[in-house]
Amino acid sequence: MNWDQLEGQWKQSAGKIKEKWGKLTDDDLETIKGKRDQFVGKLQERYGIAKDEASKRADEFMNELDAEDRAKARAARP
């Protein structure tokens, strides 16, 4: 999964984001809507972390989602 795909599947992914980052509000999630820059900015704001750290965490989260998608795809194969 990449950021464009996340934006397209935002409703499904927003719940996972809320689970991982409970300080993000519903309004924050509405603002983010799958956009990486918005996501990084809200992580900085809510968690008081530097932009580089927020960016790293956002990318790690995207890698986790990508790994989940690949695992689901493998499991679905006959």
PDB file of N, CA and C in Angstrom:
ATOM      1  N   MET A   1       0.842  -1.172   0.000  1.00  0.00           N
ATOM      2  CA  MET A   1       0.000   0.000   0.000  1.00  0.00           C
ATOM      3  C   MET A   1       0.890   1.240   0.000  1.00  0.00           C
ATOM      4  N   ASN A   2       0.454   2.242  -0.742  1.00  0.00           N
ATOM      5  CA  ASN A   2       1.163   3.517  -0.739  1.00  0.00           C
ATOM      6  C   ASN A   2       0.195   4.607  -0.283  1.00  0.00           C
ATOM      7  N   TRP A   3       0.670   5.842  -0.250  1.00  0.00           N
ATOM      8  CA  TRP A   3      -0.163   6.926   0.276  1.00  0.00           C
ATOM      9  C   TRP A   3      -1.373   7.189  -0.598  1.00  0.00           C
ATOM     10  N   ASP A   4      -1.261   7.026  -1.910  1.00  0.00           N
ATOM     11  CA  ASP A   4      -2.418   7.206  -2.790  1.00  0.00           C
ATOM     12  C   ASP A   4      -3.478   6.151  -2.499  1.00  0.00           C
ATOM     13  N   GLN A   5      -3.044   4.915  -2.289  1.00  0.00           N
ATOM     14  CA  GLN A   5      -3.980   3.845  -1.965  1.00  0.00           C
ATOM     15  C   GLN A   5      -4.622   4.079  -0.601  1.00  0.00           C
ATOM     16  N   LEU A   6      -3.832   4.562   0.342  1.00  0.00           N
ATOM     17  CA  LEU A   6      -4.364   4.847   1.670  1.00  0.00           C
ATOM     18  C   LEU A   6      -5.466   5.896   1.579  1.00  0.00           C
ATOM     19  N   GLU A   7      -5.235   6.900   0.767  1.00  0.00           N
ATOM     20  CA  GLU A   7      -6.243   7.946   0.596  1.00  0.00           C
ATOM     21  C   GLU A   7      -7.529   7.351   0.031  1.00  0.00           C
ATOM     22  N   GLY A   8      -7.405   6.400  -0.897  1.00  0.00           N
ATOM     23  CA  GLY A   8      -8.569   5.753  -1.491  1.00  0.00           C
ATOM     24  C   GLY A   8      -9.295   4.822  -0.539  1.00  0.00           C
ATOM     25  N   GLN A   9      -8.579   4.290   0.437  1.00  0.00           N
ATOM     26  CA  GLN A   9      -9.161   3.356   1.407  1.00  0.00           C
ATOM     27  C   GLN A   9      -9.200   3.983   2.799  1.00  0.00           C
ATOM     28  N   TRP A  10      -9.393   5.280   2.843  1.00  0.00           N
ATOM     29  CA  TRP A  10      -9.246   6.013   4.087  1.00  0.00           C
ATOM     30  C   TRP A  10     -10.180   5.528   5.189  1.00  0.00           C
ATOM     31  N   LYS A  11     -11.431   5.279   4.868  1.00  0.00           N
ATOM     32  CA  LYS A  11     -12.381   4.887   5.921  1.00  0.00           C
ATOM     33  C   LYS A  11     -11.946   3.603   6.610  1.00  0.00           C
ATOM     34  N   GLN A  12     -11.439   2.640   5.853  1.00  0.00           N
ATOM     35  CA  GLN A  12     -10.975   1.387   6.442  1.00  0.00           C
ATOM     36  C   GLN A  12      -9.703   1.598   7.260  1.00  0.00           C
ATOM     37  N   SER A  13      -8.824   2.440   6.784  1.00  0.00           N
ATOM     38  CA  SER A  13      -7.523   2.638   7.430  1.00  0.00           C
ATOM     39  C   SER A  13      -7.578   3.588   8.617  1.00  0.00           C
ATOM     40  N   ALA A  14      -8.542   4.481   8.645  1.00  0.00           N
ATOM     41  CA  ALA A  14      -8.629   5.470   9.728  1.00  0.00           C
ATOM     42  C   ALA A  14      -8.769   4.783  11.082  1.00  0.00           C
ATOM     43  N   GLY A  15      -9.487   3.678  11.131  1.00  0.00           N
ATOM     44  CA  GLY A  15      -9.637   2.948  12.391  1.00  0.00           C
ATOM     45  C   GLY A  15      -8.311   2.410  12.900  1.00  0.00           C
ATOM     46  N   LYS A  16      -7.491   1.919  11.996  1.00  0.00           N
ATOM     47  CA  LYS A  16      -6.169   1.414  12.383  1.00  0.00           C
ATOM     48  C   LYS A  16      -5.291   2.548  12.899  1.00  0.00           C
ATOM     49  N   ILE A  17      -5.406   3.693  12.269  1.00  0.00           N
ATOM     50  CA  ILE A  17      -4.629   4.853  12.710  1.00  0.00           C
ATOM     51  C   ILE A  17      -5.077   5.276  14.098  1.00  0.00           C
ATOM     52  N   LYS A  18      -6.375   5.292  14.314  1.00  0.00           N
ATOM     53  CA  LYS A  18      -6.923   5.690  15.619  1.00  0.00           C
ATOM     54  C   LYS A  18      -6.472   4.718  16.714  1.00  0.00           C
ATOM     55  N   GLU A  19      -6.411   3.425  16.390  1.00  0.00           N
ATOM     56  CA  GLU A  19      -5.930   2.426  17.357  1.00  0.00           C
ATOM     57  C   GLU A  19      -4.477   2.685  17.730  1.00  0.00           C
ATOM     58  N   LYS A  20      -3.663   2.970  16.745  1.00  0.00           N
ATOM     59  CA  LYS A  20      -2.232   3.148  16.979  1.00  0.00           C
ATOM     60  C   LYS A  20      -1.920   4.497  17.614  1.00  0.00           C
ATOM     61  N   TRP A  21      -2.613   5.527  17.183  1.00  0.00           N
ATOM     62  CA  TRP A  21      -2.370   6.882  17.675  1.00  0.00           C
ATOM     63  C   TRP A  21      -3.658   7.446  18.261  1.00  0.00           C
ATOM     64  N   GLY A  22      -3.946   7.062  19.476  1.00  0.00           N
ATOM     65  CA  GLY A  22      -5.185   7.443  20.144  1.00  0.00           C
ATOM     66  C   GLY A  22      -5.340   8.923  20.427  1.00  0.00           C
ATOM     67  N   LYS A  23      -4.253   9.673  20.381  1.00  0.00           N
ATOM     68  CA  LYS A  23      -4.349  11.119  20.617  1.00  0.00           C
ATOM     69  C   LYS A  23      -4.912  11.865  19.413  1.00  0.00           C
ATOM     70  N   LEU A  24      -4.945  11.220  18.259  1.00  0.00           N
ATOM     71  CA  LEU A  24      -5.514  11.864  17.082  1.00  0.00           C
ATOM     72  C   LEU A  24      -7.032  11.861  17.215  1.00  0.00           C
ATOM     73  N   THR A  25      -7.632  13.005  16.987  1.00  0.00           N
ATOM     74  CA  THR A  25      -9.082  13.143  17.112  1.00  0.00           C
ATOM     75  C   THR A  25      -9.768  12.779  15.797  1.00  0.00           C
ATOM     76  N   ASP A  26     -11.085  12.650  15.864  1.00  0.00           N
ATOM     77  CA  ASP A  26     -11.847  12.416  14.640  1.00  0.00           C
ATOM     78  C   ASP A  26     -11.679  13.587  13.672  1.00  0.00           C
ATOM     79  N   ASP A  27     -11.599  14.791  14.209  1.00  0.00           N
ATOM     80  CA  ASP A  27     -11.354  15.963  13.353  1.00  0.00           C
ATOM     81  C   ASP A  27      -9.980  15.879  12.690  1.00  0.00           C
ATOM     82  N   ASP A  28      -8.987  15.392  13.440  1.00  0.00           N
ATOM     83  CA  ASP A  28      -7.649  15.202  12.863  1.00  0.00           C
ATOM     84  C   ASP A  28      -7.719  14.221  11.704  1.00  0.00           C
ATOM     85  N   LEU A  29      -8.419  13.112  11.919  1.00  0.00           N
ATOM     86  CA  LEU A  29      -8.522  12.092  10.873  1.00  0.00           C
ATOM     87  C   LEU A  29      -9.241  12.644   9.648  1.00  0.00           C
ATOM     88  N   GLU A  30     -10.237  13.478   9.879  1.00  0.00           N
ATOM     89  CA  GLU A  30     -10.951  14.112   8.769  1.00  0.00           C
ATOM     90  C   GLU A  30     -10.013  15.038   7.990  1.00  0.00           C
ATOM     91  N   THR A  31      -9.144  15.724   8.699  1.00  0.00           N
ATOM     92  CA  THR A  31      -8.171  16.615   8.058  1.00  0.00           C
ATOM     93  C   THR A  31      -7.132  15.815   7.272  1.00  0.00           C
ATOM     94  N   ILE A  32      -6.674  14.722   7.854  1.00  0.00           N
ATOM     95  CA  ILE A  32      -5.611  13.915   7.241  1.00  0.00           C
ATOM     96  C   ILE A  32      -6.088  13.270   5.948  1.00  0.00           C
ATOM     97  N   LYS A  33      -7.175  12.532   6.001  1.00  0.00           N
ATOM     98  CA  LYS A  33      -7.767  11.843   4.847  1.00  0.00           C
ATOM     99  C   LYS A  33      -6.738  11.159   3.951  1.00  0.00           C
ATOM    100  N   GLY A  34      -5.739  10.530   4.540  1.00  0.00           N
ATOM    101  CA  GLY A  34      -4.765   9.769   3.774  1.00  0.00           C
ATOM    102  C   GLY A  34      -3.606  10.572   3.217  1.00  0.00           C
ATOM    103  N   LYS A  35      -3.553  11.838   3.519  1.00  0.00           N
ATOM    104  CA  LYS A  35      -2.475  12.687   2.996  1.00  0.00           C
ATOM    105  C   LYS A  35      -1.281  12.653   3.949  1.00  0.00           C
ATOM    106  N   ARG A  36      -0.149  12.262   3.434  1.00  0.00           N
ATOM    107  CA  ARG A  36       1.042  12.060   4.257  1.00  0.00           C
ATOM    108  C   ARG A  36       1.456  13.324   5.005  1.00  0.00           C
ATOM    109  N   ASP A  37       1.509  14.447   4.310  1.00  0.00           N
ATOM    110  CA  ASP A  37       1.954  15.686   4.959  1.00  0.00           C
ATOM    111  C   ASP A  37       1.041  16.079   6.112  1.00  0.00           C
ATOM    112  N   GLN A  38      -0.263  15.912   5.909  1.00  0.00           N
ATOM    113  CA  GLN A  38      -1.218  16.219   6.977  1.00  0.00           C
ATOM    114  C   GLN A  38      -1.030  15.265   8.155  1.00  0.00           C
ATOM    115  N   PHE A  39      -0.800  13.997   7.843  1.00  0.00           N
ATOM    116  CA  PHE A  39      -0.600  12.976   8.870  1.00  0.00           C
ATOM    117  C   PHE A  39       0.635  13.308   9.712  1.00  0.00           C
ATOM    118  N   VAL A  40       1.728  13.618   9.043  1.00  0.00           N
ATOM    119  CA  VAL A  40       2.971  13.963   9.739  1.00  0.00           C
ATOM    120  C   VAL A  40       2.751  15.192  10.617  1.00  0.00           C
ATOM    121  N   GLY A  41       2.079  16.192  10.090  1.00  0.00           N
ATOM    122  CA  GLY A  41       1.817  17.408  10.849  1.00  0.00           C
ATOM    123  C   GLY A  41       0.990  17.155  12.098  1.00  0.00           C
ATOM    124  N   LYS A  42      -0.026  16.315  11.975  1.00  0.00           N
ATOM    125  CA  LYS A  42      -0.871  16.008  13.135  1.00  0.00           C
ATOM    126  C   LYS A  42      -0.120  15.166  14.162  1.00  0.00           C
ATOM    127  N   LEU A  43       0.753  14.273  13.701  1.00  0.00           N
ATOM    128  CA  LEU A  43       1.576  13.514  14.652  1.00  0.00           C
ATOM    129  C   LEU A  43       2.481  14.459  15.430  1.00  0.00           C
ATOM    130  N   GLN A  44       3.080  15.409  14.737  1.00  0.00           N
ATOM    131  CA  GLN A  44       3.926  16.404  15.406  1.00  0.00           C
ATOM    132  C   GLN A  44       3.127  17.165  16.462  1.00  0.00           C
ATOM    133  N   GLU A  45       1.968  17.629  16.053  1.00  0.00           N
ATOM    134  CA  GLU A  45       1.132  18.462  16.920  1.00  0.00           C
ATOM    135  C   GLU A  45       0.649  17.704  18.156  1.00  0.00           C
ATOM    136  N   ARG A  46       0.110  16.523  17.958  1.00  0.00           N
ATOM    137  CA  ARG A  46      -0.506  15.780  19.067  1.00  0.00           C
ATOM    138  C   ARG A  46       0.508  15.099  19.979  1.00  0.00           C
ATOM    139  N   TYR A  47       1.644  14.705  19.414  1.00  0.00           N
ATOM    140  CA  TYR A  47       2.618  13.944  20.201  1.00  0.00           C
ATOM    141  C   TYR A  47       3.864  14.745  20.560  1.00  0.00           C
ATOM    142  N   GLY A  48       3.952  15.980  20.077  1.00  0.00           N
ATOM    143  CA  GLY A  48       5.081  16.831  20.423  1.00  0.00           C
ATOM    144  C   GLY A  48       6.419  16.286  19.967  1.00  0.00           C
ATOM    145  N   ILE A  49       6.437  15.725  18.763  1.00  0.00           N
ATOM    146  CA  ILE A  49       7.672  15.156  18.227  1.00  0.00           C
ATOM    147  C   ILE A  49       8.142  15.980  17.029  1.00  0.00           C
ATOM    148  N   ALA A  50       9.408  15.847  16.713  1.00  0.00           N
ATOM    149  CA  ALA A  50       9.998  16.570  15.585  1.00  0.00           C
ATOM    150  C   ALA A  50       9.457  16.034  14.262  1.00  0.00           C
ATOM    151  N   LYS A  51       9.550  16.853  13.241  1.00  0.00           N
ATOM    152  CA  LYS A  51       9.052  16.469  11.925  1.00  0.00           C
ATOM    153  C   LYS A  51       9.717  15.192  11.423  1.00  0.00           C
ATOM    154  N   ASP A  52      11.029  15.076  11.596  1.00  0.00           N
ATOM    155  CA  ASP A  52      11.739  13.880  11.131  1.00  0.00           C
ATOM    156  C   ASP A  52      11.214  12.625  11.819  1.00  0.00           C
ATOM    157  N   GLU A  53      10.980  12.713  13.123  1.00  0.00           N
ATOM    158  CA  GLU A  53      10.470  11.561  13.875  1.00  0.00           C
ATOM    159  C   GLU A  53       9.044  11.227  13.445  1.00  0.00           C
ATOM    160  N   ALA A  54       8.213  12.242  13.268  1.00  0.00           N
ATOM    161  CA  ALA A  54       6.837  12.017  12.826  1.00  0.00           C
ATOM    162  C   ALA A  54       6.822  11.388  11.438  1.00  0.00           C
ATOM    163  N   SER A  55       7.702  11.849  10.575  1.00  0.00           N
ATOM    164  CA  SER A  55       7.806  11.310   9.224  1.00  0.00           C
ATOM    165  C   SER A  55       8.227   9.843   9.265  1.00  0.00           C
ATOM    166  N   LYS A  56       9.194   9.539  10.109  1.00  0.00           N
ATOM    167  CA  LYS A  56       9.665   8.160  10.265  1.00  0.00           C
ATOM    168  C   LYS A  56       8.528   7.258  10.752  1.00  0.00           C
ATOM    169  N   ARG A  57       7.783   7.721  11.741  1.00  0.00           N
ATOM    170  CA  ARG A  57       6.676   6.921  12.281  1.00  0.00           C
ATOM    171  C   ARG A  57       5.568   6.724  11.256  1.00  0.00           C
ATOM    172  N   ALA A  58       5.292   7.745  10.469  1.00  0.00           N
ATOM    173  CA  ALA A  58       4.277   7.632   9.422  1.00  0.00           C
ATOM    174  C   ALA A  58       4.700   6.594   8.386  1.00  0.00           C
ATOM    175  N   ASP A  59       5.965   6.629   7.991  1.00  0.00           N
ATOM    176  CA  ASP A  59       6.464   5.663   7.011  1.00  0.00           C
ATOM    177  C   ASP A  59       6.479   4.248   7.579  1.00  0.00           C
ATOM    178  N   GLU A  60       6.819   4.102   8.845  1.00  0.00           N
ATOM    179  CA  GLU A  60       6.782   2.783   9.486  1.00  0.00           C
ATOM    180  C   GLU A  60       5.361   2.238   9.498  1.00  0.00           C
ATOM    181  N   PHE A  61       4.406   3.098   9.791  1.00  0.00           N
ATOM    182  CA  PHE A  61       3.008   2.678   9.787  1.00  0.00           C
ATOM    183  C   PHE A  61       2.590   2.227   8.389  1.00  0.00           C
ATOM    184  N   MET A  62       2.993   2.978   7.372  1.00  0.00           N
ATOM    185  CA  MET A  62       2.662   2.604   6.000  1.00  0.00           C
ATOM    186  C   MET A  62       3.277   1.253   5.653  1.00  0.00           C
ATOM    187  N   ASN A  63       4.492   0.999   6.098  1.00  0.00           N
ATOM    188  CA  ASN A  63       5.131  -0.297   5.866  1.00  0.00           C
ATOM    189  C   ASN A  63       4.367  -1.418   6.555  1.00  0.00           C
ATOM    190  N   GLU A  64       3.845  -1.155   7.756  1.00  0.00           N
ATOM    191  CA  GLU A  64       3.037  -2.152   8.463  1.00  0.00           C
ATOM    192  C   GLU A  64       1.769  -2.470   7.676  1.00  0.00           C
ATOM    193  N   LEU A  65       1.098  -1.437   7.172  1.00  0.00           N
ATOM    194  CA  LEU A  65      -0.108  -1.658   6.371  1.00  0.00           C
ATOM    195  C   LEU A  65       0.211  -2.446   5.110  1.00  0.00           C
ATOM    196  N   ASP A  66       1.338  -2.120   4.488  1.00  0.00           N
ATOM    197  CA  ASP A  66       1.751  -2.824   3.279  1.00  0.00           C
ATOM    198  C   ASP A  66       2.004  -4.299   3.578  1.00  0.00           C
ATOM    199  N   ALA A  67       2.662  -4.585   4.685  1.00  0.00           N
ATOM    200  CA  ALA A  67       2.936  -5.971   5.069  1.00  0.00           C
ATOM    201  C   ALA A  67       1.634  -6.723   5.339  1.00  0.00           C
ATOM    202  N   GLU A  68       0.675  -6.066   5.985  1.00  0.00           N
ATOM    203  CA  GLU A  68      -0.629  -6.690   6.229  1.00  0.00           C
ATOM    204  C   GLU A  68      -1.325  -7.015   4.915  1.00  0.00           C
ATOM    205  N   ASP A  69      -1.294  -6.081   3.976  1.00  0.00           N
ATOM    206  CA  ASP A  69      -1.927  -6.302   2.674  1.00  0.00           C
ATOM    207  C   ASP A  69      -1.292  -7.480   1.943  1.00  0.00           C
ATOM    208  N   ARG A  70       0.044  -7.553   1.980  1.00  0.00           N
ATOM    209  CA  ARG A  70       0.730  -8.660   1.313  1.00  0.00           C
ATOM    210  C   ARG A  70       0.397  -9.992   1.973  1.00  0.00           C
ATOM    211  N   ALA A  71       0.310 -10.009   3.292  1.00  0.00           N
ATOM    212  CA  ALA A  71      -0.028 -11.240   4.011  1.00  0.00           C
ATOM    213  C   ALA A  71      -1.448 -11.687   3.669  1.00  0.00           C
ATOM    214  N   LYS A  72      -2.371 -10.747   3.583  1.00  0.00           N
ATOM    215  CA  LYS A  72      -3.756 -11.082   3.216  1.00  0.00           C
ATOM    216  C   LYS A  72      -3.813 -11.627   1.797  1.00  0.00           C
ATOM    217  N   ALA A  73      -3.041 -11.035   0.898  1.00  0.00           N
ATOM    218  CA  ALA A  73      -3.027 -11.490  -0.493  1.00  0.00           C
ATOM    219  C   ALA A  73      -2.474 -12.908  -0.593  1.00  0.00           C
ATOM    220  N   ARG A  74      -1.422 -13.193   0.182  1.00  0.00           N
ATOM    221  CA  ARG A  74      -0.863 -14.554   0.173  1.00  0.00           C
ATOM    222  C   ARG A  74      -1.858 -15.557   0.743  1.00  0.00           C
ATOM    223  N   ALA A  75      -2.547 -15.186   1.792  1.00  0.00           N
ATOM    224  CA  ALA A  75      -3.506 -16.084   2.434  1.00  0.00           C
ATOM    225  C   ALA A  75      -4.709 -16.353   1.535  1.00  0.00           C
ATOM    226  N   ALA A  76      -5.029 -15.419   0.664  1.00  0.00           N
ATOM    227  CA  ALA A  76      -6.186 -15.566  -0.213  1.00  0.00           C
ATOM    228  C   ALA A  76      -5.901 -16.451  -1.420  1.00  0.00           C
ATOM    229  N   ARG A  77      -4.635 -16.691  -1.688  1.00  0.00           N
ATOM    230  CA  ARG A  77      -4.283 -17.537  -2.839  1.00  0.00           C
ATOM    231  C   ARG A  77      -4.593 -18.998  -2.526  1.00  0.00           C
ATOM    232  N   PRO A  78      -5.080 -19.698  -3.536  1.00  0.00           N
ATOM    233  CA  PRO A  78      -5.379 -21.136  -3.320  1.00  0.00           C
ATOM    234  C   PRO A  78      -4.133 -21.980  -3.204  1.00  0.00           C
TER     235      PRO A  78
END
